Amino acid sequence: MFTRSGLAIPTKIAMVVPWIISLRLDRKLKTIYNLVIQAAVYFIWKERNSRLHNQTSKPAHSVVKDIYLLLRGKLYSLDIEQRALPSATQRNLHHSTMTTYLSLWFERVQG
């Protein structure tokens, strides 16, 4: 999932939160990584419950696809919110805020 990011992703779950906190990234990129971790935890929990309580399971690629779809929808809504800002405010914002969440997603995360 992070193939294009160039970041060293922790391999132990206990190290994920300290890793996210320590990242020195653009605000939007850090938001994307936070959302990825949150979505992954949610969908893994949901899949676990489905296996335990319903005796049904999905293949891993299907869970990843669900995560991608959810994240692209959320990032699109964040882009819509950004466009709703008054134009005077947008002129004062740093250049990196002009990059959309979805463009960062496709450039840096989804490989």
N, C-alpha and C. Protein backbone atom coordinates (compact mmCIF):
# COMPACT_ATOMS: atom_id res chain seq x y z
N MET A 1 0.82 -1.20 0.00
CA MET A 1 0.00 0.00 0.00
C MET A 1 0.86 1.26 0.00
N PHE A 2 1.99 1.22 0.68
CA PHE A 2 2.86 2.40 0.76
C PHE A 2 4.05 2.28 -0.18
N THR A 3 3.91 1.57 -1.27
CA THR A 3 5.05 1.29 -2.14
C THR A 3 5.71 2.54 -2.69
N ARG A 4 4.95 3.56 -2.97
CA ARG A 4 5.52 4.78 -3.55
C ARG A 4 5.97 5.80 -2.52
N SER A 5 5.69 5.56 -1.26
CA SER A 5 5.97 6.56 -0.23
C SER A 5 7.44 6.65 0.15
N GLY A 6 8.16 5.55 0.04
CA GLY A 6 9.56 5.54 0.45
C GLY A 6 9.73 5.52 1.96
N LEU A 7 8.66 5.32 2.71
CA LEU A 7 8.73 5.29 4.16
C LEU A 7 8.96 3.87 4.65
N ALA A 8 9.69 3.76 5.76
CA ALA A 8 9.90 2.46 6.39
C ALA A 8 8.73 2.20 7.33
N ILE A 9 7.83 1.33 6.93
CA ILE A 9 6.62 1.04 7.69
C ILE A 9 6.96 0.05 8.80
N PRO A 10 6.47 0.31 10.04
CA PRO A 10 6.75 -0.63 11.13
C PRO A 10 6.12 -2.00 10.85
N THR A 11 6.79 -3.04 11.30
CA THR A 11 6.27 -4.39 11.10
C THR A 11 5.53 -4.91 12.32
N LYS A 12 5.64 -4.23 13.43
CA LYS A 12 4.94 -4.63 14.65
C LYS A 12 3.84 -3.61 14.94
N ILE A 13 2.66 -4.12 15.29
CA ILE A 13 1.50 -3.26 15.51
C ILE A 13 1.74 -2.25 16.63
N ALA A 14 2.51 -2.63 17.64
CA ALA A 14 2.77 -1.72 18.76
C ALA A 14 3.59 -0.51 18.34
N MET A 15 4.26 -0.58 17.21
CA MET A 15 5.11 0.52 16.76
C MET A 15 4.39 1.48 15.81
N VAL A 16 3.17 1.17 15.42
CA VAL A 16 2.46 2.00 14.43
C VAL A 16 2.15 3.38 14.97
N VAL A 17 1.59 3.47 16.18
CA VAL A 17 1.22 4.78 16.73
C VAL A 17 2.45 5.67 16.93
N PRO A 18 3.53 5.19 17.56
CA PRO A 18 4.71 6.04 17.66
C PRO A 18 5.26 6.45 16.28
N TRP A 19 5.17 5.56 15.31
CA TRP A 19 5.64 5.87 13.96
C TRP A 19 4.83 7.01 13.35
N ILE A 20 3.51 6.92 13.45
CA ILE A 20 2.64 7.98 12.90
C ILE A 20 2.93 9.31 13.58
N ILE A 21 3.07 9.29 14.90
CA ILE A 21 3.33 10.53 15.64
C ILE A 21 4.66 11.14 15.23
N SER A 22 5.65 10.31 14.97
CA SER A 22 6.99 10.83 14.66
C SER A 22 7.16 11.30 13.22
N LEU A 23 6.21 11.00 12.35
CA LEU A 23 6.35 11.41 10.95
C LEU A 23 6.43 12.92 10.81
N ARG A 24 7.37 13.37 10.02
CA ARG A 24 7.52 14.79 9.71
C ARG A 24 7.14 14.98 8.25
N LEU A 25 5.83 15.11 8.02
CA LEU A 25 5.32 15.19 6.67
C LEU A 25 4.39 16.38 6.51
N ASP A 26 4.08 16.68 5.28
CA ASP A 26 3.05 17.63 4.94
C ASP A 26 1.76 17.24 5.67
N ARG A 27 1.00 18.21 6.11
CA ARG A 27 -0.22 17.96 6.88
C ARG A 27 -1.17 17.02 6.14
N LYS A 28 -1.33 17.23 4.86
CA LYS A 28 -2.26 16.39 4.09
C LYS A 28 -1.76 14.95 4.00
N LEU A 29 -0.49 14.78 3.79
CA LEU A 29 0.05 13.43 3.69
C LEU A 29 -0.06 12.70 5.02
N LYS A 30 0.19 13.41 6.10
CA LYS A 30 0.06 12.80 7.42
C LYS A 30 -1.40 12.42 7.68
N THR A 31 -2.33 13.26 7.26
CA THR A 31 -3.76 12.94 7.38
C THR A 31 -4.08 11.66 6.62
N ILE A 32 -3.55 11.53 5.41
CA ILE A 32 -3.79 10.33 4.61
C ILE A 32 -3.26 9.09 5.32
N TYR A 33 -2.05 9.16 5.86
CA TYR A 33 -1.47 8.00 6.55
C TYR A 33 -2.29 7.64 7.79
N ASN A 34 -2.75 8.66 8.52
CA ASN A 34 -3.61 8.39 9.68
C ASN A 34 -4.88 7.67 9.25
N LEU A 35 -5.50 8.15 8.17
CA LEU A 35 -6.73 7.52 7.69
C LEU A 35 -6.49 6.09 7.22
N VAL A 36 -5.35 5.85 6.58
CA VAL A 36 -5.02 4.49 6.13
C VAL A 36 -4.94 3.54 7.33
N ILE A 37 -4.23 3.95 8.37
CA ILE A 37 -4.08 3.11 9.55
C ILE A 37 -5.45 2.87 10.20
N GLN A 38 -6.24 3.93 10.34
CA GLN A 38 -7.56 3.78 10.95
C GLN A 38 -8.45 2.85 10.14
N ALA A 39 -8.46 3.01 8.82
CA ALA A 39 -9.29 2.16 7.97
C ALA A 39 -8.81 0.72 8.03
N ALA A 40 -7.51 0.50 8.03
CA ALA A 40 -6.98 -0.87 8.09
C ALA A 40 -7.39 -1.55 9.39
N VAL A 41 -7.26 -0.84 10.49
CA VAL A 41 -7.66 -1.41 11.79
C VAL A 41 -9.15 -1.74 11.77
N TYR A 42 -9.97 -0.82 11.28
CA TYR A 42 -11.41 -1.04 11.24
C TYR A 42 -11.77 -2.26 10.38
N PHE A 43 -11.22 -2.33 9.18
CA PHE A 43 -11.59 -3.44 8.29
C PHE A 43 -11.04 -4.78 8.76
N ILE A 44 -9.88 -4.78 9.40
CA ILE A 44 -9.36 -6.03 9.98
C ILE A 44 -10.26 -6.48 11.13
N TRP A 45 -10.67 -5.54 11.97
CA TRP A 45 -11.59 -5.86 13.07
C TRP A 45 -12.92 -6.39 12.52
N LYS A 46 -13.44 -5.72 11.48
CA LYS A 46 -14.71 -6.13 10.87
C LYS A 46 -14.59 -7.54 10.27
N GLU A 47 -13.50 -7.82 9.61
CA GLU A 47 -13.27 -9.14 9.02
C GLU A 47 -13.14 -10.20 10.11
N ARG A 48 -12.44 -9.88 11.17
CA ARG A 48 -12.31 -10.81 12.30
C ARG A 48 -13.68 -11.16 12.87
N ASN A 49 -14.50 -10.14 13.09
CA ASN A 49 -15.85 -10.38 13.63
C ASN A 49 -16.69 -11.22 12.68
N SER A 50 -16.58 -10.96 11.41
CA SER A 50 -17.33 -11.73 10.42
C SER A 50 -16.92 -13.20 10.47
N ARG A 51 -15.65 -13.45 10.61
CA ARG A 51 -15.16 -14.84 10.67
C ARG A 51 -15.60 -15.53 11.96
N LEU A 52 -15.57 -14.79 13.07
CA LEU A 52 -15.95 -15.38 14.35
C LEU A 52 -17.45 -15.61 14.48
N HIS A 53 -18.25 -14.64 14.08
CA HIS A 53 -19.68 -14.68 14.35
C HIS A 53 -20.52 -15.20 13.20
N ASN A 54 -20.05 -15.04 11.98
CA ASN A 54 -20.85 -15.45 10.82
C ASN A 54 -20.22 -16.60 10.04
N GLN A 55 -19.02 -16.99 10.43
CA GLN A 55 -18.27 -18.03 9.72
C GLN A 55 -18.14 -17.72 8.22
N THR A 56 -18.00 -16.44 7.90
CA THR A 56 -17.76 -16.02 6.52
C THR A 56 -16.46 -15.23 6.47
N SER A 57 -15.79 -15.31 5.34
CA SER A 57 -14.55 -14.55 5.20
C SER A 57 -14.43 -14.03 3.78
N LYS A 58 -13.62 -12.99 3.66
CA LYS A 58 -13.32 -12.39 2.37
C LYS A 58 -11.84 -12.62 2.08
N PRO A 59 -11.47 -12.71 0.81
CA PRO A 59 -10.04 -12.78 0.51
C PRO A 59 -9.36 -11.44 0.84
N ALA A 60 -8.09 -11.49 1.13
CA ALA A 60 -7.34 -10.29 1.52
C ALA A 60 -7.45 -9.18 0.48
N HIS A 61 -7.36 -9.53 -0.81
CA HIS A 61 -7.42 -8.50 -1.85
C HIS A 61 -8.77 -7.78 -1.85
N SER A 62 -9.82 -8.46 -1.41
CA SER A 62 -11.13 -7.84 -1.33
C SER A 62 -11.19 -6.84 -0.17
N VAL A 63 -10.57 -7.17 0.94
CA VAL A 63 -10.51 -6.26 2.08
C VAL A 63 -9.70 -5.02 1.71
N VAL A 64 -8.59 -5.21 1.02
CA VAL A 64 -7.76 -4.08 0.58
C VAL A 64 -8.56 -3.19 -0.37
N LYS A 65 -9.31 -3.79 -1.28
CA LYS A 65 -10.14 -3.02 -2.21
C LYS A 65 -11.17 -2.20 -1.44
N ASP A 66 -11.79 -2.79 -0.42
CA ASP A 66 -12.76 -2.05 0.40
C ASP A 66 -12.10 -0.86 1.10
N ILE A 67 -10.88 -1.06 1.59
CA ILE A 67 -10.15 0.03 2.25
C ILE A 67 -9.88 1.15 1.24
N TYR A 68 -9.40 0.78 0.05
CA TYR A 68 -9.13 1.79 -0.99
C TYR A 68 -10.37 2.58 -1.34
N LEU A 69 -11.50 1.89 -1.51
CA LEU A 69 -12.74 2.59 -1.88
C LEU A 69 -13.18 3.56 -0.79
N LEU A 70 -13.12 3.11 0.45
CA LEU A 70 -13.49 3.98 1.57
C LEU A 70 -12.59 5.21 1.64
N LEU A 71 -11.28 4.98 1.51
CA LEU A 71 -10.33 6.08 1.62
C LEU A 71 -10.48 7.07 0.47
N ARG A 72 -10.67 6.59 -0.74
CA ARG A 72 -10.84 7.52 -1.86
C ARG A 72 -12.09 8.37 -1.68
N GLY A 73 -13.15 7.78 -1.15
CA GLY A 73 -14.36 8.55 -0.87
C GLY A 73 -14.12 9.61 0.19
N LYS A 74 -13.43 9.25 1.25
CA LYS A 74 -13.14 10.20 2.33
C LYS A 74 -12.22 11.32 1.82
N LEU A 75 -11.20 10.96 1.06
CA LEU A 75 -10.27 11.97 0.55
C LEU A 75 -10.97 12.91 -0.42
N TYR A 76 -11.87 12.38 -1.22
CA TYR A 76 -12.65 13.23 -2.13
C TYR A 76 -13.48 14.23 -1.33
N SER A 77 -14.10 13.78 -0.24
CA SER A 77 -14.90 14.71 0.57
C SER A 77 -14.02 15.77 1.23
N LEU A 78 -12.80 15.41 1.61
CA LEU A 78 -11.87 16.41 2.16
C LEU A 78 -11.48 17.44 1.09
N ASP A 79 -11.33 16.98 -0.16
CA ASP A 79 -11.03 17.91 -1.26
C ASP A 79 -12.19 18.86 -1.49
N ILE A 80 -13.42 18.36 -1.40
CA ILE A 80 -14.60 19.21 -1.57
C ILE A 80 -14.63 20.27 -0.48
N GLU A 81 -14.35 19.87 0.76
CA GLU A 81 -14.30 20.83 1.87
C GLU A 81 -13.25 21.90 1.61
N GLN A 82 -12.10 21.51 1.10
CA GLN A 82 -11.02 22.47 0.82
C GLN A 82 -11.46 23.48 -0.23
N ARG A 83 -12.15 23.02 -1.26
CA ARG A 83 -12.62 23.93 -2.31
C ARG A 83 -13.66 24.91 -1.81
N ALA A 84 -14.34 24.56 -0.71
CA ALA A 84 -15.37 25.43 -0.17
C ALA A 84 -14.80 26.59 0.63
N LEU A 85 -13.49 26.58 0.89
CA LEU A 85 -12.86 27.68 1.62
C LEU A 85 -12.98 28.97 0.81
N PRO A 86 -13.14 30.10 1.49
CA PRO A 86 -13.15 31.37 0.76
C PRO A 86 -11.84 31.59 0.00
N SER A 87 -11.91 32.18 -1.16
CA SER A 87 -10.73 32.33 -2.01
C SER A 87 -9.63 33.15 -1.35
N ALA A 88 -9.96 34.15 -0.55
CA ALA A 88 -8.94 34.95 0.14
C ALA A 88 -8.15 34.08 1.10
N THR A 89 -8.82 33.18 1.76
CA THR A 89 -8.14 32.27 2.68
C THR A 89 -7.22 31.34 1.90
N GLN A 90 -7.68 30.85 0.77
CA GLN A 90 -6.86 29.94 -0.03
C GLN A 90 -5.58 30.63 -0.51
N ARG A 91 -5.65 31.92 -0.85
CA ARG A 91 -4.44 32.61 -1.31
C ARG A 91 -3.38 32.68 -0.23
N ASN A 92 -3.80 32.70 1.03
CA ASN A 92 -2.85 32.80 2.14
C ASN A 92 -2.30 31.46 2.58
N LEU A 93 -2.86 30.38 2.10
CA LEU A 93 -2.40 29.06 2.52
C LEU A 93 -1.11 28.68 1.80
N HIS A 94 -0.35 27.83 2.43
CA HIS A 94 0.90 27.33 1.87
C HIS A 94 0.62 26.56 0.57
N HIS A 95 1.57 26.54 -0.34
CA HIS A 95 1.42 25.89 -1.63
C HIS A 95 0.99 24.42 -1.53
N SER A 96 1.47 23.70 -0.51
CA SER A 96 1.15 22.28 -0.40
C SER A 96 -0.33 22.05 -0.17
N THR A 97 -1.04 23.05 0.35
CA THR A 97 -2.46 22.86 0.57
C THR A 97 -3.23 22.94 -0.74
N MET A 98 -2.62 23.41 -1.80
CA MET A 98 -3.29 23.45 -3.09
C MET A 98 -3.29 22.07 -3.77
N THR A 99 -2.45 21.19 -3.31
CA THR A 99 -2.43 19.83 -3.80
C THR A 99 -3.62 19.11 -3.18
N THR A 100 -4.37 18.37 -3.98
CA THR A 100 -5.54 17.70 -3.44
C THR A 100 -5.15 16.43 -2.70
N TYR A 101 -6.02 16.01 -1.79
CA TYR A 101 -5.80 14.76 -1.07
C TYR A 101 -5.75 13.59 -2.05
N LEU A 102 -6.66 13.58 -3.02
CA LEU A 102 -6.69 12.47 -3.97
C LEU A 102 -5.43 12.41 -4.83
N SER A 103 -4.90 13.56 -5.23
CA SER A 103 -3.68 13.53 -6.03
C SER A 103 -2.51 12.99 -5.21
N LEU A 104 -2.44 13.37 -3.94
CA LEU A 104 -1.40 12.82 -3.06
C LEU A 104 -1.59 11.31 -2.88
N TRP A 105 -2.83 10.88 -2.74
CA TRP A 105 -3.12 9.46 -2.60
C TRP A 105 -2.55 8.67 -3.77
N PHE A 106 -2.85 9.13 -4.98
CA PHE A 106 -2.40 8.40 -6.16
C PHE A 106 -0.89 8.54 -6.40
N GLU A 107 -0.31 9.68 -6.02
CA GLU A 107 1.14 9.89 -6.20
C GLU A 107 1.97 9.11 -5.20
N ARG A 108 1.53 9.12 -3.95
CA ARG A 108 2.39 8.65 -2.86
C ARG A 108 1.99 7.35 -2.20
N VAL A 109 0.71 6.99 -2.27
CA VAL A 109 0.25 5.85 -1.48
C VAL A 109 -0.15 4.66 -2.35
N GLN A 110 -1.18 4.83 -3.13
CA GLN A 110 -1.69 3.69 -3.90
C GLN A 110 -0.76 3.41 -5.06
N GLY A 111 -0.11 2.27 -5.00
CA GLY A 111 0.86 1.92 -6.01
C GLY A 111 0.36 1.03 -7.01
